[in-house]
C-alpha atoms as a PDB file:
ATOM      1  CA  MET A   1     -27.604  51.880 -66.114  1.00  0.00           C
ATOM      2  CA  GLY A   2     -31.096  50.694 -66.332  1.00  0.00           C
ATOM      3  CA  SER A   3     -29.667  47.539 -66.440  1.00  0.00           C
ATOM      4  CA  VAL A   4     -28.213  48.045 -63.400  1.00  0.00           C
ATOM      5  CA  LEU A   5     -31.300  49.127 -61.517  1.00  0.00           C
ATOM      6  CA  VAL A   6     -33.208  46.373 -62.992  1.00  0.00           C
ATOM      7  CA  GLN A   7     -30.333  43.803 -61.097  1.00  0.00           C
ATOM      8  CA  LEU A   8     -30.788  46.026 -57.752  1.00  0.00           C
ATOM      9  CA  GLY A   9     -34.855  45.389 -57.843  1.00  0.00           C
ATOM     10  CA  PHE A  10     -36.164  48.259 -60.034  1.00  0.00           C
ATOM     11  CA  ALA A  11     -39.207  47.883 -62.317  1.00  0.00           C
ATOM     12  CA  GLY A  12     -40.387  51.385 -61.954  1.00  0.00           C
ATOM     13  CA  ALA A  13     -39.980  52.299 -65.379  1.00  0.00           C
ATOM     14  CA  ASP A  14     -38.673  51.575 -68.647  1.00  0.00           C
ATOM     15  CA  ASP A  15     -35.272  52.600 -70.660  1.00  0.00           C
ATOM     16  CA  LEU A  16     -36.757  55.685 -72.053  1.00  0.00           C
ATOM     17  CA  ALA A  17     -38.249  56.778 -69.027  1.00  0.00           C
ATOM     18  CA  LEU A  18     -35.041  56.305 -67.273  1.00  0.00           C
ATOM     19  CA  LEU A  19     -33.178  57.971 -70.365  1.00  0.00           C
ATOM     20  CA  GLY A  20     -35.244  60.973 -70.099  1.00  0.00           C
ATOM     21  CA  LEU A  21     -34.824  60.831 -66.137  1.00  0.00           C
ATOM     22  CA  LEU A  22     -30.932  60.985 -66.578  1.00  0.00           C
ATOM     23  CA  ALA A  23     -30.983  63.573 -69.335  1.00  0.00           C
ATOM     24  CA  SER A  24     -32.949  65.742 -67.446  1.00  0.00           C
ATOM     25  CA  GLY A  25     -29.520  67.087 -65.516  1.00  0.00           C
ATOM     26  CA  ASP A  26     -30.648  69.465 -62.657  1.00  0.00           C
ATOM     27  CA  ARG A  27     -34.376  68.234 -62.492  1.00  0.00           C
ATOM     28  CA  ALA A  28     -33.327  64.739 -61.812  1.00  0.00           C
ATOM     29  CA  LEU A  29     -30.842  66.028 -59.284  1.00  0.00           C
ATOM     30  CA  GLN A  30     -33.590  68.125 -57.687  1.00  0.00           C
ATOM     31  CA  TRP A  31     -36.016  65.284 -57.563  1.00  0.00           C
ATOM     32  CA  LEU A  32     -33.736  62.802 -56.372  1.00  0.00           C
ATOM     33  CA  CYS A  33     -32.716  65.239 -53.491  1.00  0.00           C
ATOM     34  CA  GLU A  34     -36.177  65.733 -52.747  1.00  0.00           C
ATOM     35  CA  ALA A  35     -36.956  62.201 -52.227  1.00  0.00           C
ATOM     36  CA  ARG A  36     -34.008  61.722 -50.154  1.00  0.00           C
ATOM     37  CA  LEU A  37     -35.399  64.716 -48.196  1.00  0.00           C
ATOM     38  CA  GLU A  38     -38.573  63.152 -47.600  1.00  0.00           C
ATOM     39  CA  ARG A  39     -37.566  59.331 -46.947  1.00  0.00           C
ATOM     40  CA  GLY A  40     -34.121  59.648 -45.674  1.00  0.00           C
ATOM     41  CA  ALA A  41     -31.457  56.918 -46.102  1.00  0.00           C
ATOM     42  CA  ILE A  42     -32.683  54.439 -48.856  1.00  0.00           C
ATOM     43  CA  PRO A  43     -30.950  52.798 -51.308  1.00  0.00           C
ATOM     44  CA  PHE A  44     -30.617  54.326 -54.685  1.00  0.00           C
ATOM     45  CA  VAL A  45     -32.776  52.366 -56.860  1.00  0.00           C
ATOM     46  CA  GLU A  46     -35.806  52.894 -54.097  1.00  0.00           C
ATOM     47  CA  LEU A  47     -34.361  56.972 -54.388  1.00  0.00           C
ATOM     48  CA  VAL A  48     -35.093  56.793 -58.551  1.00  0.00           C
ATOM     49  CA  SER A  49     -38.179  55.067 -58.114  1.00  0.00           C
ATOM     50  CA  ALA A  50     -39.403  57.727 -55.521  1.00  0.00           C
ATOM     51  CA  ALA A  51     -38.085  60.563 -57.679  1.00  0.00           C
ATOM     52  CA  ILE A  52     -40.469  59.635 -60.566  1.00  0.00           C
ATOM     53  CA  SER A  53     -43.476  58.305 -58.776  1.00  0.00           C
ATOM     54  CA  LYS A  54     -44.786  61.704 -58.168  1.00  0.00           C
ATOM     55  CA  SER A  55     -47.766  62.720 -60.526  1.00  0.00           C
ATOM     56  CA  GLY A  56     -46.871  63.287 -63.969  1.00  0.00           C
ATOM     57  CA  ARG A  57     -42.814  62.707 -63.892  1.00  0.00           C
ATOM     58  CA  LEU A  58     -42.777  59.550 -65.129  1.00  0.00           C
ATOM     59  CA  ASP A  59     -44.617  60.284 -68.435  1.00  0.00           C
ATOM     60  CA  TRP A  60     -42.663  63.627 -68.231  1.00  0.00           C
ATOM     61  CA  CYS A  61     -39.394  61.122 -68.523  1.00  0.00           C
ATOM     62  CA  ARG A  62     -40.711  58.975 -71.126  1.00  0.00           C
ATOM     63  CA  GLU A  63     -41.551  62.025 -73.275  1.00  0.00           C
ATOM     64  CA  TRP A  64     -38.047  63.738 -72.405  1.00  0.00           C
ATOM     65  CA  GLY A  65     -36.393  60.540 -73.106  1.00  0.00           C
ATOM     66  CA  ASN A  66     -38.018  59.705 -76.298  1.00  0.00           C
ATOM     67  CA  TYR A  67     -37.054  62.968 -77.612  1.00  0.00           C
ATOM     68  CA  HIS A  68     -33.514  62.510 -76.655  1.00  0.00           C
ATOM     69  CA  TRP A  69     -33.539  58.951 -78.575  1.00  0.00           C
ATOM     70  CA  ARG A  70     -34.941  60.553 -81.719  1.00  0.00           C
ATOM     71  CA  LEU A  71     -32.564  63.209 -81.657  1.00  0.00           C
ATOM     72  CA  HIS A  72     -29.382  60.549 -81.231  1.00  0.00           C
ATOM     73  CA  ASN A  73     -30.879  58.458 -84.306  1.00  0.00           C
ATOM     74  CA  LYS A  74     -31.122  61.684 -86.205  1.00  0.00           C
ATOM     75  CA  ARG A  75     -27.762  62.789 -85.563  1.00  0.00           C
ATOM     76  CA  ALA A  76     -26.894  58.783 -86.622  1.00  0.00           C
ATOM     77  CA  TYR A  77     -28.911  58.990 -89.545  1.00  0.00           C
ATOM     78  CA  ASP A  78     -27.683  62.308 -91.083  1.00  0.00           C
ATOM     79  CA  ALA A  79     -24.088  61.446 -90.461  1.00  0.00           C
ATOM     80  CA  ALA A  80     -24.900  57.642 -92.155  1.00  0.00           C
ATOM     81  CA  VAL A  81     -26.188  59.517 -95.614  1.00  0.00           C
ATOM     82  CA  THR A  82     -23.479  62.135 -95.196  1.00  0.00           C
ATOM     83  CA  SER A  83     -20.687  59.549 -95.019  1.00  0.00           C
ATOM     84  CA  PHE A  84     -22.430  57.842 -97.627  1.00  0.00           C
ATOM     85  CA  ILE A  85     -22.225  60.882-100.096  1.00  0.00           C
ATOM     86  CA  GLU A  86     -19.016  62.062 -99.527  1.00  0.00           C
ATOM     87  CA  ALA A  87     -17.715  58.351 -99.752  1.00  0.00           C
ATOM     88  CA  GLY A  88     -18.229  58.818-103.549  1.00  0.00           C
ATOM     89  CA  PRO A  89     -20.131  55.782-104.588  1.00  0.00           C
ATOM     90  CA  THR A  90     -23.456  57.362-105.697  1.00  0.00           C
ATOM     91  CA  GLY A  91     -22.364  57.950-109.403  1.00  0.00           C
ATOM     92  CA  ALA A  92     -24.513  57.053-111.817  1.00  0.00           C
ATOM     93  CA  GLU A  93     -22.278  54.211-113.162  1.00  0.00           C
ATOM     94  CA  GLU A  94     -22.097  52.365-109.567  1.00  0.00           C
ATOM     95  CA  GLY A  95     -22.784  48.654-110.050  1.00  0.00           C
ATOM     96  CA  TRP A  96     -25.148  48.908-106.768  1.00  0.00           C
ATOM     97  CA  ARG A  97     -27.435  51.260-108.583  1.00  0.00           C
ATOM     98  CA  LYS A  98     -28.667  48.901-110.987  1.00  0.00           C
ATOM     99  CA  HIS A  99     -29.736  46.603-108.586  1.00  0.00           C
ATOM    100  CA  ASP A 100     -33.725  46.176-107.476  1.00  0.00           C
ATOM    101  CA  ALA A 101     -34.393  48.607-104.852  1.00  0.00           C
ATOM    102  CA  SER A 102     -34.451  46.978-101.261  1.00  0.00           C
ATOM    103  CA  GLY A 103     -37.358  45.767 -99.243  1.00  0.00           C
ATOM    104  CA  ASP A 104     -36.523  48.702 -96.768  1.00  0.00           C
ATOM    105  CA  GLN A 105     -36.328  51.270 -99.589  1.00  0.00           C
ATOM    106  CA  ILE A 106     -39.896  50.425-100.881  1.00  0.00           C
ATOM    107  CA  ALA A 107     -41.101  50.620 -97.372  1.00  0.00           C
ATOM    108  CA  LEU A 108     -39.482  54.233 -97.177  1.00  0.00           C
ATOM    109  CA  ILE A 109     -40.856  55.298-100.386  1.00  0.00           C
ATOM    110  CA  ALA A 110     -43.804  53.831 -99.693  1.00  0.00           C
ATOM    111  CA  LYS A 111     -44.611  55.909 -96.207  1.00  0.00           C
ATOM    112  CA  LEU A 112     -43.010  59.278 -98.416  1.00  0.00           C
ATOM    113  CA  CYS A 113     -45.901  58.525-100.783  1.00  0.00           C
ATOM    114  CA  ASP A 114     -48.263  58.645 -97.853  1.00  0.00           C
ATOM    115  CA  LEU A 115     -47.030  61.545 -96.583  1.00  0.00           C
ATOM    116  CA  LEU A 116     -46.311  63.723 -99.338  1.00  0.00           C
ATOM    117  CA  ASP A 117     -49.167  62.464-101.185  1.00  0.00           C
ATOM    118  CA  GLU A 118     -47.448  61.215-104.271  1.00  0.00           C
ATOM    119  CA  PRO A 119     -48.123  58.124-106.266  1.00  0.00           C
ATOM    120  CA  LEU A 120     -45.906  55.254-105.651  1.00  0.00           C
ATOM    121  CA  PRO A 121     -43.493  54.888-108.087  1.00  0.00           C
ATOM    122  CA  LYS A 122     -42.759  51.215-109.569  1.00  0.00           C
ATOM    123  CA  GLY A 123     -39.702  49.346-110.844  1.00  0.00           C
ATOM    124  CA  LEU A 124     -37.253  51.570-108.818  1.00  0.00           C
ATOM    125  CA  THR A 125     -33.625  50.080-109.011  1.00  0.00           C
ATOM    126  CA  LYS A 126     -31.609  50.922-105.584  1.00  0.00           C
ATOM    127  CA  GLY A 127     -29.752  53.929-107.010  1.00  0.00           C
ATOM    128  CA  GLU A 128     -33.342  55.711-108.171  1.00  0.00           C
ATOM    129  CA  ALA A 129     -34.730  54.686-105.045  1.00  0.00           C
ATOM    130  CA  PHE A 130     -31.751  56.145-103.322  1.00  0.00           C
ATOM    131  CA  ASP A 131     -31.787  59.424-105.482  1.00  0.00           C
ATOM    132  CA  TRP A 132     -35.874  59.423-104.655  1.00  0.00           C
ATOM    133  CA  ILE A 133     -35.664  58.981-101.150  1.00  0.00           C
ATOM    134  CA  TYR A 134     -33.057  61.668-101.016  1.00  0.00           C
ATOM    135  CA  GLU A 135     -34.660  64.259-103.087  1.00  0.00           C
ATOM    136  CA  ARG A 136     -37.542  63.884-100.424  1.00  0.00           C
ATOM    137  CA  GLY A 137     -35.667  64.845 -97.344  1.00  0.00           C
ATOM    138  CA  GLY A 138     -34.743  61.215 -96.624  1.00  0.00           C
ATOM    139  CA  ASN A 139     -36.442  58.952 -93.698  1.00  0.00           C
ATOM    140  CA  PRO A 140     -39.105  61.176 -92.377  1.00  0.00           C
ATOM    141  CA  ALA A 141     -38.796  59.818 -88.736  1.00  0.00           C
ATOM    142  CA  HIS A 142     -35.714  62.118 -89.184  1.00  0.00           C
ATOM    143  CA  TRP A 143     -36.895  65.539 -90.812  1.00  0.00           C
ATOM    144  CA  HIS A 144     -37.489  67.540 -87.699  1.00  0.00           C
ATOM    145  CA  GLU A 145     -35.932  67.687 -84.555  1.00  0.00           C
ATOM    146  CA  PRO A 146     -39.011  66.948 -81.937  1.00  0.00           C
ATOM    147  CA  THR A 147     -39.470  69.825 -79.999  1.00  0.00           C
ATOM    148  CA  GLU A 148     -38.844  69.718 -76.482  1.00  0.00           C
ATOM    149  CA  PRO A 149     -41.450  69.081 -73.613  1.00  0.00           C
ATOM    150  CA  ALA A 150     -42.968  71.983 -71.961  1.00  0.00           C
ATOM    151  CA  GLU A 151     -40.817  72.612 -68.833  1.00  0.00           C
ATOM    152  CA  TRP A 152     -42.247  71.064 -65.734  1.00  0.00           C
ATOM    153  CA  GLU A 153     -43.896  72.978 -63.513  1.00  0.00           C
ATOM    154  CA  ALA A 154     -43.924  72.646 -59.411  1.00  0.00           C
END
């Protein structure tokens, strides 16, 4: 929907803010109705701009959009890890486990070491790196669902 609004001349927010607005349900409808009552019959793109133009709304929408983006990515990450484990190719004798750890695995391990105050392991294979990461909860970007922003007041 964001690309459609841009085609109509919308430049009032980024994709996270639009996601937040659209994900806010009744709040978005309330804001759109308020803008319609205040401004009369205006094109939808202008209605959206007016709805998020009041003080604090754009930032709130961005925060709420970020929450939903992270929540979606956490679910996708969890599903991918679960699918990989359930597919069965994680056994000790699997060929992929013997290869050197990937750059992505090494970067994630370094991040986890910083967060968990652990020494950086050296010379891990892909299998060892997978196990090491999994034992520590996986990608820290997806450890916990973010808390919902405080309810909008007035």
